[in-house]
Structure formats: C-alpha cells, structure tokens
Amino acid sequence: MKFFNFLLRHKALVLLTVIIIIAVIVLLQNSDFVNVKILFWQFSAQKVIFIIGAMILGYIIGKLVEVTVRSK
C-alpha cells in the first residue's frame, strides 16, 4: 500500500522515469550510422547523436518559450 501512495504523491517523478526509460530504449535501438549533407558539408555519425541533439534542442526551445510566456 505504501508503494501506491508513493506513486500517487509523485506522479511527475513516475512520468519522468517512464519517459527516460522510453528514451533510453529508443537510443539503444538506433546505434547505426547515417550520412548527413548540409550544403557543402558532409559527415557521418550515429543516429543516437542526432536524437540526443534533437532532445536537447527541444528542451532548450521549450525553456525559451516558457520564459517568454512567463514574462508577459
């Protein structure tokens, strides 16, 4: 019973844990290499790097939007 009370009190922590587990599973399944071409620049890297970069960029954009909305 204490475990369920903990889950009910800490919903955000449980949700964050589930999201992290899903993200780790996705990252582990995408370890192959991809070629990227941007104008005259070309390089090869693992998908994991691009996925982590997209996650970080999304977090930064979300925080910027949050700060902008709060300042109004």
C-alpha atoms as a PDB file:
ATOM      1  CA  MET A   1       0.000   0.000   0.000  1.00  0.00           C
ATOM      2  CA  LYS A   2       2.877   2.395   0.713  1.00  0.00           C
ATOM      3  CA  PHE A   3       4.181   1.912  -2.825  1.00  0.00           C
ATOM      4  CA  PHE A   4       0.884   3.034  -4.366  1.00  0.00           C
ATOM      5  CA  ASN A   5       0.741   6.050  -2.052  1.00  0.00           C
ATOM      6  CA  PHE A   6       4.253   6.950  -3.225  1.00  0.00           C
ATOM      7  CA  LEU A   7       3.140   6.679  -6.868  1.00  0.00           C
ATOM      8  CA  LEU A   8       0.099   8.855  -6.242  1.00  0.00           C
ATOM      9  CA  ARG A   9       2.149  11.535  -4.464  1.00  0.00           C
ATOM     10  CA  HIS A  10       4.971  11.634  -7.001  1.00  0.00           C
ATOM     11  CA  LYS A  11       3.189  11.495 -10.365  1.00  0.00           C
ATOM     12  CA  ALA A  12       5.713  13.772 -12.061  1.00  0.00           C
ATOM     13  CA  LEU A  13       8.631  11.606 -10.906  1.00  0.00           C
ATOM     14  CA  VAL A  14       6.923   8.458 -12.196  1.00  0.00           C
ATOM     15  CA  LEU A  15       6.155  10.118 -15.548  1.00  0.00           C
ATOM     16  CA  LEU A  16       9.736  11.357 -15.861  1.00  0.00           C
ATOM     17  CA  THR A  17      11.065   7.875 -15.112  1.00  0.00           C
ATOM     18  CA  VAL A  18       8.831   6.337 -17.795  1.00  0.00           C
ATOM     19  CA  ILE A  19       9.920   8.957 -20.353  1.00  0.00           C
ATOM     20  CA  ILE A  20      13.602   8.358 -19.552  1.00  0.00           C
ATOM     21  CA  ILE A  21      13.182   4.588 -19.905  1.00  0.00           C
ATOM     22  CA  ILE A  22      11.470   5.010 -23.291  1.00  0.00           C
ATOM     23  CA  ALA A  23      14.185   7.434 -24.440  1.00  0.00           C
ATOM     24  CA  VAL A  24      16.964   5.026 -23.424  1.00  0.00           C
ATOM     25  CA  ILE A  25      15.264   2.157 -25.297  1.00  0.00           C
ATOM     26  CA  VAL A  26      14.939   4.309 -28.444  1.00  0.00           C
ATOM     27  CA  LEU A  27      18.567   5.411 -28.182  1.00  0.00           C
ATOM     28  CA  LEU A  28      19.844   1.864 -27.766  1.00  0.00           C
ATOM     29  CA  GLN A  29      17.915   0.692 -30.822  1.00  0.00           C
ATOM     30  CA  ASN A  30      19.288   3.472 -33.069  1.00  0.00           C
ATOM     31  CA  SER A  31      23.025   2.958 -32.997  1.00  0.00           C
ATOM     32  CA  ASP A  32      23.617   2.687 -36.754  1.00  0.00           C
ATOM     33  CA  PHE A  33      25.438   5.358 -38.759  1.00  0.00           C
ATOM     34  CA  VAL A  34      23.836   7.910 -41.081  1.00  0.00           C
ATOM     35  CA  ASN A  35      25.316  10.306 -43.617  1.00  0.00           C
ATOM     36  CA  VAL A  36      24.369  13.959 -43.290  1.00  0.00           C
ATOM     37  CA  LYS A  37      24.805  16.562 -46.026  1.00  0.00           C
ATOM     38  CA  ILE A  38      24.385  20.252 -45.255  1.00  0.00           C
ATOM     39  CA  LEU A  39      25.200  22.401 -48.283  1.00  0.00           C
ATOM     40  CA  PHE A  40      28.885  21.632 -48.944  1.00  0.00           C
ATOM     41  CA  TRP A  41      29.490  19.937 -45.615  1.00  0.00           C
ATOM     42  CA  GLN A  42      29.118  16.157 -45.256  1.00  0.00           C
ATOM     43  CA  PHE A  43      29.728  13.887 -42.293  1.00  0.00           C
ATOM     44  CA  SER A  44      28.726  10.523 -40.880  1.00  0.00           C
ATOM     45  CA  ALA A  45      27.586   9.955 -37.304  1.00  0.00           C
ATOM     46  CA  GLN A  46      25.389   7.668 -35.254  1.00  0.00           C
ATOM     47  CA  LYS A  47      21.657   8.281 -35.091  1.00  0.00           C
ATOM     48  CA  VAL A  48      21.974   8.402 -31.312  1.00  0.00           C
ATOM     49  CA  ILE A  49      23.866  11.678 -31.534  1.00  0.00           C
ATOM     50  CA  PHE A  50      21.164  13.257 -33.695  1.00  0.00           C
ATOM     51  CA  ILE A  51      18.371  12.017 -31.438  1.00  0.00           C
ATOM     52  CA  ILE A  52      20.103  13.350 -28.314  1.00  0.00           C
ATOM     53  CA  GLY A  53      20.746  16.635 -30.119  1.00  0.00           C
ATOM     54  CA  ALA A  54      17.068  16.883 -31.077  1.00  0.00           C
ATOM     55  CA  MET A  55      16.056  16.172 -27.464  1.00  0.00           C
ATOM     56  CA  ILE A  56      18.385  18.859 -26.141  1.00  0.00           C
ATOM     57  CA  LEU A  57      17.261  21.355 -28.785  1.00  0.00           C
ATOM     58  CA  GLY A  58      13.613  20.629 -27.963  1.00  0.00           C
ATOM     59  CA  TYR A  59      14.301  21.141 -24.262  1.00  0.00           C
ATOM     60  CA  ILE A  60      16.055  24.462 -24.911  1.00  0.00           C
ATOM     61  CA  ILE A  61      13.241  25.692 -27.170  1.00  0.00           C
ATOM     62  CA  GLY A  62      10.671  24.638 -24.560  1.00  0.00           C
ATOM     63  CA  LYS A  63      12.506  26.535 -21.827  1.00  0.00           C
ATOM     64  CA  LEU A  64      12.775  29.636 -24.030  1.00  0.00           C
ATOM     65  CA  VAL A  65       9.045  29.514 -24.738  1.00  0.00           C
ATOM     66  CA  GLU A  66       8.338  29.042 -21.037  1.00  0.00           C
ATOM     67  CA  VAL A  67      10.454  32.072 -20.101  1.00  0.00           C
ATOM     68  CA  THR A  68       8.780  34.140 -22.829  1.00  0.00           C
ATOM     69  CA  VAL A  69       5.281  33.193 -21.708  1.00  0.00           C
ATOM     70  CA  ARG A  70       6.058  33.797 -18.022  1.00  0.00           C
ATOM     71  CA  SER A  71       7.497  37.244 -18.706  1.00  0.00           C
ATOM     72  CA  LYS A  72       4.201  38.505 -20.200  1.00  0.00           C
END
